[in-house]
Protein backbone atom coordinates (compact mmCIF):
# COMPACT_ATOMS: atom_id res chain seq x y z
CA MET A 1 -210.26 -105.30 -70.94
CA ARG A 2 -212.45 -102.44 -69.78
CA GLY A 3 -210.42 -102.47 -66.56
CA LEU A 4 -207.21 -102.08 -68.57
CA ALA A 5 -208.65 -99.07 -70.40
CA GLY A 6 -209.89 -97.55 -67.16
CA TYR A 7 -206.47 -97.93 -65.57
CA ALA A 8 -204.74 -96.36 -68.60
CA MET A 9 -207.05 -93.35 -68.45
CA HIS A 10 -206.31 -92.64 -64.77
CA GLY A 11 -203.29 -90.60 -65.81
CA ARG A 12 -200.28 -90.23 -68.07
CA ARG A 13 -198.07 -92.53 -66.00
CA GLN A 14 -200.63 -95.33 -66.10
CA ALA A 15 -201.10 -94.98 -69.87
CA ILE A 16 -197.32 -95.12 -70.39
CA ILE A 17 -197.05 -98.26 -68.25
CA VAL A 18 -199.80 -99.97 -70.24
CA VAL A 19 -198.42 -99.14 -73.70
CA LEU A 20 -194.93 -100.22 -72.69
CA LEU A 21 -195.93 -103.51 -71.08
CA THR A 22 -198.49 -104.56 -73.70
CA GLY A 23 -196.25 -103.36 -76.53
CA ILE A 24 -193.50 -105.82 -75.65
CA PHE A 25 -195.32 -109.05 -76.43
CA PRO A 26 -196.30 -110.36 -79.89
CA LEU A 27 -200.01 -109.97 -80.72
CA VAL A 28 -200.62 -108.31 -77.33
CA TYR A 29 -199.14 -105.13 -78.81
CA CYS A 30 -202.55 -104.63 -80.43
CA LEU A 31 -203.77 -103.61 -76.96
CA SER A 32 -200.99 -101.03 -76.86
CA ALA A 33 -202.25 -99.63 -80.16
CA ALA A 34 -205.82 -99.56 -78.81
CA VAL A 35 -204.66 -97.57 -75.76
CA VAL A 36 -202.87 -95.15 -78.09
CA GLY A 37 -206.14 -94.78 -79.97
CA LEU A 38 -208.14 -94.27 -76.76
CA VAL A 39 -205.84 -91.52 -75.49
CA ASN A 40 -205.92 -89.78 -78.88
CA LEU A 41 -209.72 -90.00 -78.96
CA ARG A 42 -210.28 -88.77 -75.42
CA LYS A 43 -207.47 -86.33 -74.69
CA ASN A 44 -205.77 -83.49 -76.54
CA ALA A 45 -203.39 -83.99 -79.44
CA THR A 46 -200.30 -83.25 -77.33
CA GLU A 47 -201.17 -85.97 -74.81
CA GLY A 48 -202.01 -88.36 -77.64
CA LEU A 49 -198.67 -87.68 -79.32
CA LEU A 50 -196.80 -88.24 -76.05
CA ILE A 51 -198.39 -91.66 -75.47
CA LEU A 52 -197.76 -92.54 -79.12
CA LEU A 53 -194.06 -91.74 -78.71
CA TRP A 54 -193.82 -94.01 -75.67
CA SER A 55 -195.56 -96.81 -77.59
CA LEU A 56 -192.94 -96.49 -80.32
CA ILE A 57 -190.20 -97.69 -77.96
CA PRO A 58 -191.23 -101.39 -77.99
CA ALA A 59 -192.48 -101.00 -81.58
CA GLY A 60 -189.06 -99.64 -82.53
CA ILE A 61 -187.40 -102.72 -81.02
CA TYR A 62 -189.56 -104.91 -83.27
CA TRP A 63 -188.57 -102.73 -86.22
CA ILE A 64 -184.86 -103.15 -85.43
CA LEU A 65 -185.43 -106.91 -85.31
CA GLY A 66 -186.98 -106.77 -88.79
CA ASP A 67 -190.72 -106.52 -88.05
CA SER A 68 -192.18 -103.11 -88.90
CA GLN A 69 -195.83 -104.06 -88.31
CA PRO A 70 -196.09 -102.80 -84.69
CA LEU A 71 -194.53 -99.48 -85.71
CA ILE A 72 -196.93 -99.04 -88.64
CA LEU A 73 -199.83 -100.11 -86.41
CA MET A 74 -199.15 -97.52 -83.67
CA LEU A 75 -198.77 -94.69 -86.15
CA SER A 76 -201.83 -95.69 -88.18
CA VAL A 77 -204.12 -96.03 -85.15
CA ALA A 78 -203.02 -92.63 -83.82
CA VAL A 79 -203.69 -90.98 -87.18
CA LEU A 80 -207.12 -92.59 -87.59
CA ALA A 81 -208.07 -91.84 -83.97
CA GLN A 82 -207.34 -88.14 -84.50
CA ALA A 83 -209.27 -88.26 -87.78
CA LEU A 84 -212.28 -89.88 -86.08
CA LYS A 85 -212.11 -87.37 -83.24
CA TYR A 86 -212.27 -84.34 -85.52
CA LEU A 87 -214.24 -85.66 -88.51
CA GLU A 88 -216.76 -87.62 -86.39
CA SER A 89 -217.38 -89.89 -89.38
CA TRP A 90 -216.54 -93.58 -89.55
CA SER A 91 -217.07 -93.49 -93.31
CA LYS A 92 -214.34 -90.87 -93.80
CA VAL A 93 -212.04 -92.69 -91.37
CA ILE A 94 -212.50 -95.93 -93.33
CA MET A 95 -211.66 -94.05 -96.53
CA LEU A 96 -208.43 -92.87 -94.91
CA GLY A 97 -207.79 -96.37 -93.56
CA THR A 98 -208.10 -97.77 -97.09
CA VAL A 99 -205.35 -95.42 -98.22
CA LEU A 100 -203.17 -96.49 -95.28
CA GLY A 101 -203.78 -100.15 -96.15
CA ILE A 102 -202.61 -99.54 -99.72
CA LEU A 103 -199.54 -97.67 -98.44
CA ALA A 104 -198.78 -100.60 -96.11
CA GLN A 105 -198.96 -102.96 -99.10
CA LEU A 106 -196.62 -100.71 -101.09
CA SER A 107 -194.20 -100.51 -98.14
CA LEU A 108 -193.16 -104.12 -98.78
CA VAL A 109 -190.84 -102.75 -101.44
CA TRP A 110 -188.70 -101.30 -98.62
CA GLN A 111 -189.04 -104.29 -96.29
CA GLY A 112 -186.60 -106.66 -97.93
CA GLU A 113 -185.34 -107.99 -94.59
CA TYR A 114 -188.87 -108.84 -93.41
CA VAL A 115 -189.65 -110.62 -96.70
CA ALA A 116 -186.35 -112.53 -96.47
CA GLN A 117 -187.10 -113.63 -92.90
CA LEU A 118 -190.57 -114.79 -93.90
CA THR A 119 -189.17 -116.71 -96.88
CA SER A 120 -186.54 -118.37 -94.68
CA MET A 121 -189.18 -119.37 -92.13
CA MET A 122 -191.43 -120.75 -94.87
CA ASN A 123 -188.50 -122.75 -96.28
CA GLU A 124 -187.90 -124.32 -92.87
CA VAL A 125 -191.59 -125.21 -92.56
CA ILE A 126 -191.63 -126.81 -96.02
CA ILE A 127 -188.46 -128.81 -95.32
CA LEU A 128 -189.88 -130.02 -92.01
CA GLN A 129 -193.21 -131.00 -93.58
CA GLU A 130 -191.56 -132.72 -96.55
CA SER A 131 -189.45 -134.77 -94.13
CA GLN A 132 -192.75 -136.07 -92.76
CA GLY A 133 -194.03 -137.04 -96.20
CA VAL A 134 -196.06 -133.92 -97.04
CA VAL A 135 -195.77 -132.81 -100.68
CA TYR A 136 -196.05 -129.12 -101.56
CA ASP A 137 -197.04 -127.92 -105.02
CA TYR A 138 -195.63 -124.44 -104.33
CA THR A 139 -192.19 -123.13 -103.54
CA ALA A 140 -191.45 -121.01 -100.48
CA ASP A 141 -191.25 -117.89 -102.67
CA GLU A 142 -194.67 -118.60 -104.16
CA LEU A 143 -196.25 -119.19 -100.74
CA VAL A 144 -194.68 -116.01 -99.35
CA GLY A 145 -195.96 -114.08 -102.36
CA LEU A 146 -199.46 -115.39 -101.68
CA LEU A 147 -199.28 -114.43 -98.00
CA LEU A 148 -197.87 -110.99 -98.69
CA GLY A 149 -200.70 -110.34 -101.12
CA PHE A 150 -202.85 -109.91 -98.00
CA TYR A 151 -200.30 -107.82 -96.09
CA GLY A 152 -202.05 -104.48 -96.62
CA ALA A 153 -205.50 -105.96 -95.97
CA TYR A 154 -204.26 -107.60 -92.77
CA HIS A 155 -202.76 -104.32 -91.63
CA PHE A 156 -205.96 -102.41 -92.50
CA ALA A 157 -208.12 -104.93 -90.63
CA ILE A 158 -205.92 -104.86 -87.51
CA VAL A 159 -205.80 -101.04 -87.48
CA ILE A 160 -209.58 -100.76 -87.75
CA SER A 161 -210.02 -103.46 -85.09
CA CYS A 162 -207.74 -101.56 -82.68
CA LEU A 163 -209.59 -98.32 -83.40
CA VAL A 164 -212.96 -100.02 -82.86
CA LEU A 165 -211.71 -101.37 -79.53
CA ALA A 166 -210.49 -97.90 -78.52
CA ARG A 167 -213.84 -96.34 -79.46
CA TRP A 168 -215.73 -99.08 -77.60
CA TRP A 169 -213.57 -98.47 -74.53
CA GLN A 170 -214.28 -94.74 -74.78
CA ALA A 171 -218.01 -95.38 -74.98
CA ARG A 172 -217.99 -97.82 -72.06
CA LEU A 173 -216.06 -95.38 -69.88
CA TYR A 174 -217.63 -92.07 -70.85
CA ASN A 175 -220.62 -92.57 -73.18
CA PRO A 176 -222.46 -95.89 -72.64
CA GLY A 177 -224.25 -97.01 -75.80
CA GLY A 178 -222.53 -94.43 -77.97
CA PHE A 179 -220.43 -96.87 -79.96
CA LYS A 180 -223.39 -99.13 -80.69
CA HIS A 181 -225.28 -96.19 -82.24
CA GLU A 182 -222.22 -95.12 -84.26
CA PHE A 183 -221.61 -98.59 -85.65
CA HIS A 184 -225.26 -99.13 -86.54
CA GLN A 185 -225.23 -95.90 -88.57
CA LEU A 186 -222.01 -96.70 -90.43
CA ARG A 187 -222.66 -96.25 -94.15
CA LEU A 188 -220.07 -95.57 -96.83
CA GLU A 189 -220.12 -92.29 -98.71
CA PRO A 190 -221.94 -92.89 -102.04
CA GLY A 191 -219.10 -91.46 -104.12
CA PHE A 192 -216.54 -93.59 -102.30
CA ALA A 193 -218.69 -96.70 -102.74
CA ILE A 194 -219.08 -96.09 -106.47
CA LEU A 195 -215.32 -95.60 -106.79
CA LEU A 196 -214.72 -98.80 -104.82
CA THR A 197 -217.13 -100.71 -107.05
CA GLY A 198 -215.19 -99.66 -110.14
CA PHE A 199 -211.87 -100.55 -108.52
CA ILE A 200 -213.14 -103.95 -107.34
CA ILE A 201 -214.44 -104.82 -110.82
CA ALA A 202 -211.09 -103.78 -112.32
CA ALA A 203 -209.22 -105.81 -109.69
CA LEU A 204 -211.32 -108.89 -110.44
CA ALA A 205 -210.48 -108.39 -114.11
CA GLY A 206 -206.78 -108.53 -113.21
CA VAL A 207 -205.92 -104.86 -113.81
CA PRO A 208 -202.64 -104.03 -112.03
CA PRO A 209 -201.96 -102.74 -109.44
CA LEU A 210 -205.63 -102.95 -108.36
CA SER A 211 -205.57 -106.75 -108.61
CA SER A 212 -203.06 -106.84 -105.74
CA TRP A 213 -205.26 -104.52 -103.66
CA LEU A 214 -208.51 -106.50 -104.00
CA ALA A 215 -208.60 -107.65 -100.37
CA ILE A 216 -208.00 -104.09 -99.15
CA LEU A 217 -210.75 -102.68 -101.38
CA CYS A 218 -213.27 -105.23 -100.08
CA ILE A 219 -212.87 -104.34 -96.40
CA PRO A 220 -214.84 -101.02 -96.41
CA PRO A 221 -218.04 -102.44 -97.98
CA LEU A 222 -217.71 -105.55 -95.80
CA LEU A 223 -217.74 -103.29 -92.72
CA GLY A 224 -220.69 -101.37 -94.16
CA GLY A 225 -222.62 -104.58 -94.76
CA LEU A 226 -221.90 -105.84 -91.24
CA ALA A 227 -223.02 -102.51 -89.75
CA LEU A 228 -226.30 -102.72 -91.66
CA LEU A 229 -226.90 -106.30 -90.51
CA HIS A 230 -226.23 -105.27 -86.89
CA TYR A 231 -228.69 -102.38 -87.31
CA MET A 232 -231.38 -104.64 -88.72
CA VAL A 233 -230.99 -107.14 -85.87
CA ALA A 234 -231.29 -104.32 -83.30
CA TYR A 235 -234.22 -102.64 -85.11
CA LYS A 236 -236.16 -105.89 -85.36
CA LYS A 237 -235.14 -106.81 -81.78
CA LEU A 238 -233.88 -110.19 -82.87
CA SER A 239 -231.83 -112.57 -80.72
CA LEU A 240 -228.05 -112.63 -80.42
CA SER A 241 -227.94 -115.69 -82.68
CA TRP A 242 -228.72 -113.40 -85.64
CA ILE A 243 -225.55 -111.40 -84.89
CA VAL A 244 -223.60 -114.65 -84.95
CA MET A 245 -225.19 -115.49 -88.29
CA ALA A 246 -224.21 -112.05 -89.65
CA TRP A 247 -220.57 -112.68 -88.78
CA LEU A 248 -220.70 -116.18 -90.23
CA ALA A 249 -222.07 -114.63 -93.41
CA ALA A 250 -219.14 -112.20 -93.45
CA LEU A 251 -216.77 -115.18 -93.20
CA PHE A 252 -218.37 -117.67 -95.58
CA ILE A 253 -220.44 -115.60 -98.03
CA SER A 254 -218.50 -112.34 -97.82
CA PRO A 255 -219.26 -111.31 -101.45
CA LEU A 256 -222.95 -110.97 -100.53
CA VAL A 257 -222.15 -108.87 -97.44
CA ILE A 258 -219.78 -106.72 -99.52
CA LEU A 259 -222.49 -106.22 -102.15
CA LEU A 260 -224.96 -105.31 -99.39
CA GLY A 261 -222.54 -102.67 -98.07
CA LEU A 262 -222.08 -101.17 -101.55
CA LEU A 263 -225.82 -101.08 -102.28
CA ASP A 264 -226.61 -99.58 -98.87
CA SER A 265 -224.26 -96.66 -99.51
CA VAL A 266 -226.40 -95.61 -102.47
CA MET A 267 -229.87 -96.81 -101.47
CA ASN A 268 -229.76 -96.13 -97.69
CA PHE A 269 -231.65 -99.22 -96.54
CA ARG A 270 -231.99 -97.86 -92.99
CA LYS A 271 -234.15 -95.02 -94.21
CA ARG A 272 -236.30 -97.45 -96.18
CA ILE A 273 -236.65 -99.77 -93.18
CA THR A 274 -237.72 -97.04 -90.78
CA SER A 275 -240.15 -95.50 -93.28
CA ASN A 276 -242.15 -98.74 -93.57
């Protein structure tokens, strides 16, 4: 994929070709968003806006067909890339990304056609499975409601992933090792972490609308915890298997990694590690 990024950065025409071709196909349009992020990170705002507008052509086709996710993704990555470029702080960018994730969740109110399509598809799946003897305890509406409860978190995670890829590309092309240092130093702002802790506790207690945003609120401290684990592995010069274990921990014991990210924002474990 480094070759794709290198080709896109050869010039405006190449970047346009990449965002148009990768933006056409489902899932692959994430690469289009990453290229939008890379151009916004590396070049001036005018050039970034131009490439964003070209990326909105295939994203707009998806929107007309009832899927607004590519459109939201392109816009969100461009905004966060510009924020990262000028703020030079992953913590602040993640704060902004949290807000965008919540807005994406709220946008479902205006996406009736998308919800209807998803419900229809889920109905077809249930009918097909029931014809094969599978019994469902939930209706299509209930299953769709469960899935859509993670809509904002899914959007937030994909946006951050595309931005991370764009930043990694930028580092590989122009600043080798730069992204690794940035990620290892990622630590949430203490005030933001304290606010998140309060919101997460309220969400777990079922306080609306925070209860529907729980997955979104957990992503920032999860990223902070992962960054700290990556830092510790690098500082102790441990093997790659420890990185794999860190990601497995994020998957299977995520509450502990989330708690680690929240505690690190206040206690700054990196400073304590290096002082010993």
